[in-house]
Amino acid sequence: MKVSGIILLVFAVLNLLVAIMAASSGAPADAISSKFSGFFMLSVIGGLLYFFGSKKHKRNQGEQQATKGRESFVKRIWAVY
């Protein structure tokens, strides 16, 4: 999810550049407004995917560290016996 969010954010920036170039070259207003709305949609979706992907990644890392802590606790108990 995190990688796809980054990819969508890159596409959003490229779409913004196209909208700026279209505005400077005198393209119709409909084309410019559709490029700007595409930029906003891609940036919102990409930002959400990146945010929730990194949140999921942090949660998975926390679970892995908790599992390692339990395993070392069990090994210490068995070492005593």
N, C-alpha and C. Protein backbone atom coordinates (compact mmCIF):
# COMPACT_ATOMS: atom_id res chain seq x y z
N MET A 1 0.82 -1.19 0.00
CA MET A 1 0.00 0.00 0.00
C MET A 1 0.87 1.26 0.00
N LYS A 2 1.95 1.19 0.74
CA LYS A 2 2.81 2.36 0.85
C LYS A 2 3.45 2.69 -0.49
N VAL A 3 3.90 1.66 -1.20
CA VAL A 3 4.56 1.87 -2.49
C VAL A 3 3.57 2.39 -3.53
N SER A 4 2.37 1.83 -3.54
CA SER A 4 1.37 2.31 -4.50
C SER A 4 0.96 3.75 -4.19
N GLY A 5 0.97 4.13 -2.91
CA GLY A 5 0.70 5.52 -2.56
C GLY A 5 1.77 6.45 -3.09
N ILE A 6 3.02 6.04 -2.99
CA ILE A 6 4.12 6.85 -3.51
C ILE A 6 4.01 6.99 -5.02
N ILE A 7 3.66 5.90 -5.69
CA ILE A 7 3.51 5.94 -7.15
C ILE A 7 2.39 6.90 -7.55
N LEU A 8 1.27 6.86 -6.83
CA LEU A 8 0.16 7.77 -7.14
C LEU A 8 0.55 9.22 -6.86
N LEU A 9 1.34 9.46 -5.84
CA LEU A 9 1.80 10.83 -5.57
C LEU A 9 2.73 11.33 -6.67
N VAL A 10 3.55 10.46 -7.21
CA VAL A 10 4.41 10.85 -8.34
C VAL A 10 3.56 11.19 -9.56
N PHE A 11 2.54 10.36 -9.82
CA PHE A 11 1.64 10.66 -10.94
C PHE A 11 0.88 11.98 -10.71
N ALA A 12 0.55 12.27 -9.47
CA ALA A 12 -0.14 13.52 -9.16
C ALA A 12 0.75 14.72 -9.48
N VAL A 13 2.02 14.63 -9.11
CA VAL A 13 2.94 15.73 -9.40
C VAL A 13 3.12 15.89 -10.91
N LEU A 14 3.23 14.79 -11.62
CA LEU A 14 3.35 14.87 -13.08
C LEU A 14 2.09 15.47 -13.70
N ASN A 15 0.93 15.12 -13.15
CA ASN A 15 -0.33 15.67 -13.65
C ASN A 15 -0.39 17.17 -13.39
N LEU A 16 0.12 17.61 -12.24
CA LEU A 16 0.16 19.04 -11.96
C LEU A 16 1.06 19.77 -12.94
N LEU A 17 2.21 19.17 -13.26
CA LEU A 17 3.11 19.79 -14.24
C LEU A 17 2.45 19.92 -15.61
N VAL A 18 1.69 18.90 -16.00
CA VAL A 18 0.98 18.97 -17.28
C VAL A 18 -0.08 20.06 -17.24
N ALA A 19 -0.77 20.20 -16.11
CA ALA A 19 -1.78 21.25 -15.99
C ALA A 19 -1.15 22.64 -16.07
N ILE A 20 0.00 22.82 -15.45
CA ILE A 20 0.68 24.11 -15.50
C ILE A 20 1.15 24.41 -16.92
N MET A 21 1.69 23.40 -17.60
CA MET A 21 2.13 23.61 -18.99
C MET A 21 0.95 23.90 -19.90
N ALA A 22 -0.18 23.23 -19.64
CA ALA A 22 -1.37 23.48 -20.46
C ALA A 22 -1.90 24.90 -20.22
N ALA A 23 -1.84 25.35 -18.98
CA ALA A 23 -2.31 26.71 -18.69
C ALA A 23 -1.42 27.75 -19.33
N SER A 24 -0.12 27.49 -19.37
CA SER A 24 0.79 28.47 -19.96
C SER A 24 0.73 28.47 -21.48
N SER A 25 0.30 27.37 -22.07
CA SER A 25 0.24 27.33 -23.54
C SER A 25 -1.12 27.73 -24.09
N GLY A 26 -2.07 28.07 -23.22
CA GLY A 26 -3.36 28.56 -23.68
C GLY A 26 -4.34 27.46 -24.03
N ALA A 27 -4.31 26.36 -23.35
CA ALA A 27 -5.27 25.27 -23.57
C ALA A 27 -6.65 25.68 -23.06
N PRO A 28 -7.70 25.00 -23.53
CA PRO A 28 -9.05 25.34 -23.05
C PRO A 28 -9.17 25.14 -21.53
N ALA A 29 -10.05 25.89 -20.92
CA ALA A 29 -10.23 25.86 -19.47
C ALA A 29 -10.71 24.50 -18.99
N ASP A 30 -11.48 23.80 -19.81
CA ASP A 30 -11.95 22.47 -19.40
C ASP A 30 -10.79 21.49 -19.24
N ALA A 31 -9.84 21.56 -20.14
CA ALA A 31 -8.69 20.65 -20.04
C ALA A 31 -7.84 20.97 -18.81
N ILE A 32 -7.65 22.23 -18.54
CA ILE A 32 -6.85 22.63 -17.38
C ILE A 32 -7.54 22.22 -16.08
N SER A 33 -8.85 22.47 -16.01
CA SER A 33 -9.56 22.13 -14.77
C SER A 33 -9.62 20.63 -14.56
N SER A 34 -9.71 19.85 -15.64
CA SER A 34 -9.72 18.39 -15.45
C SER A 34 -8.35 17.89 -14.98
N LYS A 35 -7.28 18.52 -15.45
CA LYS A 35 -5.95 18.13 -14.98
C LYS A 35 -5.76 18.50 -13.51
N PHE A 36 -6.25 19.66 -13.10
CA PHE A 36 -6.13 20.05 -11.69
C PHE A 36 -6.97 19.14 -10.80
N SER A 37 -8.17 18.79 -11.25
CA SER A 37 -8.99 17.89 -10.43
C SER A 37 -8.36 16.50 -10.36
N GLY A 38 -7.74 16.06 -11.44
CA GLY A 38 -7.01 14.79 -11.43
C GLY A 38 -5.84 14.84 -10.47
N PHE A 39 -5.16 15.99 -10.43
CA PHE A 39 -4.05 16.16 -9.48
C PHE A 39 -4.54 16.02 -8.04
N PHE A 40 -5.65 16.67 -7.72
CA PHE A 40 -6.15 16.60 -6.35
C PHE A 40 -6.63 15.20 -6.00
N MET A 41 -7.29 14.54 -6.92
CA MET A 41 -7.77 13.17 -6.64
C MET A 41 -6.59 12.22 -6.43
N LEU A 42 -5.60 12.28 -7.30
CA LEU A 42 -4.44 11.40 -7.17
C LEU A 42 -3.65 11.69 -5.89
N SER A 43 -3.53 12.96 -5.54
CA SER A 43 -2.77 13.28 -4.34
C SER A 43 -3.51 12.85 -3.08
N VAL A 44 -4.83 12.96 -3.05
CA VAL A 44 -5.59 12.52 -1.87
C VAL A 44 -5.53 11.01 -1.73
N ILE A 45 -5.78 10.30 -2.81
CA ILE A 45 -5.76 8.83 -2.75
C ILE A 45 -4.35 8.33 -2.44
N GLY A 46 -3.34 8.90 -3.10
CA GLY A 46 -1.96 8.50 -2.83
C GLY A 46 -1.53 8.80 -1.41
N GLY A 47 -1.93 9.96 -0.89
CA GLY A 47 -1.60 10.31 0.48
C GLY A 47 -2.25 9.38 1.48
N LEU A 48 -3.50 9.01 1.24
CA LEU A 48 -4.18 8.08 2.14
C LEU A 48 -3.54 6.70 2.10
N LEU A 49 -3.21 6.23 0.91
CA LEU A 49 -2.56 4.93 0.80
C LEU A 49 -1.21 4.93 1.50
N TYR A 50 -0.45 6.00 1.34
CA TYR A 50 0.85 6.09 2.00
C TYR A 50 0.69 6.13 3.51
N PHE A 51 -0.28 6.92 3.99
CA PHE A 51 -0.49 7.06 5.43
C PHE A 51 -0.88 5.73 6.06
N PHE A 52 -1.88 5.06 5.49
CA PHE A 52 -2.34 3.81 6.08
C PHE A 52 -1.35 2.68 5.85
N GLY A 53 -0.58 2.74 4.76
CA GLY A 53 0.46 1.73 4.54
C GLY A 53 1.57 1.83 5.56
N SER A 54 1.98 3.06 5.88
CA SER A 54 3.03 3.22 6.89
C SER A 54 2.50 2.88 8.28
N LYS A 55 1.22 3.16 8.52
CA LYS A 55 0.61 2.80 9.81
C LYS A 55 0.58 1.28 9.97
N LYS A 56 0.22 0.59 8.89
CA LYS A 56 0.18 -0.88 8.92
C LYS A 56 1.58 -1.44 9.11
N HIS A 57 2.57 -0.83 8.46
CA HIS A 57 3.96 -1.29 8.58
C HIS A 57 4.46 -1.15 10.01
N LYS A 58 4.14 -0.02 10.65
CA LYS A 58 4.56 0.18 12.04
C LYS A 58 3.89 -0.83 12.96
N ARG A 59 2.62 -1.11 12.71
CA ARG A 59 1.91 -2.09 13.54
C ARG A 59 2.52 -3.47 13.38
N ASN A 60 2.88 -3.86 12.16
CA ASN A 60 3.50 -5.16 11.93
C ASN A 60 4.86 -5.25 12.60
N GLN A 61 5.63 -4.17 12.59
CA GLN A 61 6.93 -4.19 13.26
C GLN A 61 6.76 -4.33 14.76
N GLY A 62 5.76 -3.69 15.33
CA GLY A 62 5.50 -3.81 16.75
C GLY A 62 5.10 -5.22 17.13
N GLU A 63 4.31 -5.88 16.29
CA GLU A 63 3.92 -7.27 16.56
C GLU A 63 5.13 -8.20 16.47
N GLN A 64 6.04 -7.95 15.53
CA GLN A 64 7.22 -8.79 15.40
C GLN A 64 8.12 -8.63 16.62
N GLN A 65 8.26 -7.41 17.12
CA GLN A 65 9.09 -7.20 18.30
C GLN A 65 8.47 -7.84 19.52
N ALA A 66 7.13 -7.80 19.63
CA ALA A 66 6.45 -8.43 20.76
C ALA A 66 6.63 -9.94 20.70
N THR A 67 6.57 -10.51 19.49
CA THR A 67 6.75 -11.95 19.32
C THR A 67 8.17 -12.35 19.71
N LYS A 68 9.16 -11.55 19.33
CA LYS A 68 10.54 -11.86 19.70
C LYS A 68 10.71 -11.80 21.21
N GLY A 69 10.05 -10.86 21.86
CA GLY A 69 10.13 -10.76 23.31
C GLY A 69 9.53 -11.97 24.00
N ARG A 70 8.41 -12.47 23.47
CA ARG A 70 7.79 -13.66 24.05
C ARG A 70 8.66 -14.88 23.84
N GLU A 71 9.27 -15.00 22.65
CA GLU A 71 10.13 -16.15 22.37
C GLU A 71 11.34 -16.17 23.31
N SER A 72 11.95 -15.00 23.53
CA SER A 72 13.10 -14.98 24.41
C SER A 72 12.68 -15.28 25.84
N PHE A 73 11.47 -14.87 26.24
CA PHE A 73 10.97 -15.17 27.58
C PHE A 73 10.78 -16.67 27.75
N VAL A 74 10.23 -17.31 26.73
CA VAL A 74 10.01 -18.77 26.79
C VAL A 74 11.37 -19.49 26.83
N LYS A 75 12.34 -19.03 26.06
CA LYS A 75 13.67 -19.66 26.06
C LYS A 75 14.32 -19.51 27.42
N ARG A 76 14.15 -18.38 28.08
CA ARG A 76 14.72 -18.19 29.41
C ARG A 76 14.07 -19.13 30.42
N ILE A 77 12.76 -19.33 30.29
CA ILE A 77 12.07 -20.22 31.23
C ILE A 77 12.57 -21.66 31.03
N TRP A 78 12.69 -22.08 29.76
CA TRP A 78 13.15 -23.45 29.50
C TRP A 78 14.61 -23.64 29.88
N ALA A 79 15.40 -22.57 29.82
CA ALA A 79 16.80 -22.68 30.20
C ALA A 79 16.95 -22.94 31.71
N VAL A 80 15.99 -22.43 32.47
CA VAL A 80 16.04 -22.64 33.93
C VAL A 80 15.77 -24.10 34.27
N TYR A 81 14.84 -24.72 33.53
CA TYR A 81 14.48 -26.10 33.82
C TYR A 81 15.38 -26.99 33.02
